[in-house]
Amino acid sequence: MVLNCRHVWEYISGYLDNTLDEETRLDVERHLEHCEICSAILDSTRNILILTADDRVFELPVGYSERLHARLEQMMLESPPPDSEPESS
């Protein structure tokens, strides 16, 4: 079966946990061979798992949280909600 990116995103956790059946795992690997975006998502997810499993505490730079929240708020205001549809006139 040929998988698109959305399918692969749904399988990322199972792929990392090695819980996918053999056929699905091979389909995911075939997709990852040519898709830079999904490969980057896989690497990022793997890195997040490694970092969250690390017992060390990392200090964030001064003002990081404020900048992050401001940026998220700005992005939320600029983009429409995912379930919204354009109104017809």
C-alpha atoms as a PDB file:
ATOM      1  CA  MET A   1       0.000   0.000   0.000  1.00  0.00           C
ATOM      2  CA  VAL A   2       1.276   3.469  -0.837  1.00  0.00           C
ATOM      3  CA  LEU A   3       1.088   5.759   2.180  1.00  0.00           C
ATOM      4  CA  ASN A   4       0.696   9.510   2.112  1.00  0.00           C
ATOM      5  CA  CYS A   5       2.191  11.812   4.735  1.00  0.00           C
ATOM      6  CA  ARG A   6      -0.940  11.881   6.891  1.00  0.00           C
ATOM      7  CA  HIS A   7      -0.881   8.076   7.141  1.00  0.00           C
ATOM      8  CA  VAL A   8       2.789   8.103   8.105  1.00  0.00           C
ATOM      9  CA  TRP A   9       2.176  10.731  10.802  1.00  0.00           C
ATOM     10  CA  GLU A  10      -0.451   8.438  12.318  1.00  0.00           C
ATOM     11  CA  TYR A  11       2.052   5.568  12.356  1.00  0.00           C
ATOM     12  CA  ILE A  12       5.080   7.458  13.763  1.00  0.00           C
ATOM     13  CA  SER A  13       4.537   6.341  17.371  1.00  0.00           C
ATOM     14  CA  GLY A  14       3.988   2.734  16.385  1.00  0.00           C
ATOM     15  CA  TYR A  15       7.029   2.869  14.141  1.00  0.00           C
ATOM     16  CA  LEU A  16       9.227   4.192  16.953  1.00  0.00           C
ATOM     17  CA  ASP A  17       7.765   1.699  19.437  1.00  0.00           C
ATOM     18  CA  ASN A  18       8.213  -1.129  16.898  1.00  0.00           C
ATOM     19  CA  THR A  19       4.553  -2.147  17.275  1.00  0.00           C
ATOM     20  CA  LEU A  20       3.516  -1.924  13.607  1.00  0.00           C
ATOM     21  CA  ASP A  21       2.869  -5.080  11.663  1.00  0.00           C
ATOM     22  CA  GLU A  22       5.606  -5.986   9.169  1.00  0.00           C
ATOM     23  CA  GLU A  23       3.715  -4.789   6.071  1.00  0.00           C
ATOM     24  CA  THR A  24       2.844  -1.379   7.566  1.00  0.00           C
ATOM     25  CA  ARG A  25       6.394  -0.917   8.876  1.00  0.00           C
ATOM     26  CA  LEU A  26       7.797  -1.587   5.398  1.00  0.00           C
ATOM     27  CA  ASP A  27       5.282   0.821   3.838  1.00  0.00           C
ATOM     28  CA  VAL A  28       6.322   3.527   6.315  1.00  0.00           C
ATOM     29  CA  GLU A  29      10.016   2.893   5.594  1.00  0.00           C
ATOM     30  CA  ARG A  30       9.411   3.123   1.830  1.00  0.00           C
ATOM     31  CA  HIS A  31       7.677   6.465   2.318  1.00  0.00           C
ATOM     32  CA  LEU A  32      10.451   7.753   4.593  1.00  0.00           C
ATOM     33  CA  GLU A  33      13.076   6.922   1.954  1.00  0.00           C
ATOM     34  CA  HIS A  34      11.800   9.692  -0.325  1.00  0.00           C
ATOM     35  CA  CYS A  35       9.901  12.117   1.948  1.00  0.00           C
ATOM     36  CA  GLU A  36      12.115  14.698   3.641  1.00  0.00           C
ATOM     37  CA  ILE A  37       9.223  16.166   5.643  1.00  0.00           C
ATOM     38  CA  CYS A  38       8.170  12.873   7.209  1.00  0.00           C
ATOM     39  CA  SER A  39      11.805  11.947   7.839  1.00  0.00           C
ATOM     40  CA  ALA A  40      12.254  15.256   9.664  1.00  0.00           C
ATOM     41  CA  ILE A  41       9.099  14.635  11.711  1.00  0.00           C
ATOM     42  CA  LEU A  42      10.370  11.161  12.601  1.00  0.00           C
ATOM     43  CA  ASP A  43      13.758  12.571  13.671  1.00  0.00           C
ATOM     44  CA  SER A  44      12.111  15.365  15.670  1.00  0.00           C
ATOM     45  CA  THR A  45       9.773  12.944  17.422  1.00  0.00           C
ATOM     46  CA  ARG A  46      12.683  10.635  18.218  1.00  0.00           C
ATOM     47  CA  ASN A  47      14.647  13.607  19.631  1.00  0.00           C
ATOM     48  CA  ILE A  48      11.702  14.699  21.768  1.00  0.00           C
ATOM     49  CA  LEU A  49      11.447  11.200  23.218  1.00  0.00           C
ATOM     50  CA  ILE A  50      15.151  11.191  24.008  1.00  0.00           C
ATOM     51  CA  LEU A  51      14.991  14.628  25.632  1.00  0.00           C
ATOM     52  CA  THR A  52      11.917  13.852  27.728  1.00  0.00           C
ATOM     53  CA  ALA A  53      13.521  10.640  28.961  1.00  0.00           C
ATOM     54  CA  ASP A  54      16.589  12.620  30.096  1.00  0.00           C
ATOM     55  CA  ASP A  55      16.544  13.285  33.840  1.00  0.00           C
ATOM     56  CA  ARG A  56      18.647  16.411  33.566  1.00  0.00           C
ATOM     57  CA  VAL A  57      17.028  19.832  33.889  1.00  0.00           C
ATOM     58  CA  PHE A  58      17.758  22.460  31.268  1.00  0.00           C
ATOM     59  CA  GLU A  59      17.500  26.154  31.982  1.00  0.00           C
ATOM     60  CA  LEU A  60      15.615  28.102  29.321  1.00  0.00           C
ATOM     61  CA  PRO A  61      17.041  31.431  28.191  1.00  0.00           C
ATOM     62  CA  VAL A  62      15.630  34.498  29.945  1.00  0.00           C
ATOM     63  CA  GLY A  63      12.374  35.580  28.284  1.00  0.00           C
ATOM     64  CA  TYR A  64      11.975  32.355  26.288  1.00  0.00           C
ATOM     65  CA  SER A  65       8.527  31.480  27.674  1.00  0.00           C
ATOM     66  CA  GLU A  66       7.195  34.979  27.046  1.00  0.00           C
ATOM     67  CA  ARG A  67       8.503  34.977  23.463  1.00  0.00           C
ATOM     68  CA  LEU A  68       7.059  31.515  22.851  1.00  0.00           C
ATOM     69  CA  HIS A  69       3.617  32.455  24.155  1.00  0.00           C
ATOM     70  CA  ALA A  70       3.613  35.708  22.161  1.00  0.00           C
ATOM     71  CA  ARG A  71       4.581  33.841  18.985  1.00  0.00           C
ATOM     72  CA  LEU A  72       1.899  31.172  19.522  1.00  0.00           C
ATOM     73  CA  GLU A  73      -0.742  33.807  20.189  1.00  0.00           C
ATOM     74  CA  GLN A  74       0.287  35.697  17.037  1.00  0.00           C
ATOM     75  CA  MET A  75       0.104  32.527  14.930  1.00  0.00           C
ATOM     76  CA  MET A  76      -3.314  31.633  16.344  1.00  0.00           C
ATOM     77  CA  LEU A  77      -4.657  35.078  15.518  1.00  0.00           C
ATOM     78  CA  GLU A  78      -3.259  34.981  11.967  1.00  0.00           C
ATOM     79  CA  SER A  79      -4.529  31.553  10.953  1.00  0.00           C
ATOM     80  CA  PRO A  80      -8.180  30.473  10.796  1.00  0.00           C
ATOM     81  CA  PRO A  81      -9.376  27.637  13.031  1.00  0.00           C
ATOM     82  CA  PRO A  82      -8.878  24.242  11.315  1.00  0.00           C
ATOM     83  CA  ASP A  83     -12.603  23.430  11.298  1.00  0.00           C
ATOM     84  CA  SER A  84     -13.748  26.769   9.909  1.00  0.00           C
ATOM     85  CA  GLU A  85     -15.060  26.999   6.385  1.00  0.00           C
ATOM     86  CA  PRO A  86     -15.233  30.186   4.353  1.00  0.00           C
ATOM     87  CA  GLU A  87     -18.614  31.870   4.624  1.00  0.00           C
ATOM     88  CA  SER A  88     -20.628  32.000   1.418  1.00  0.00           C
ATOM     89  CA  SER A  89     -22.119  35.330   0.387  1.00  0.00           C
END
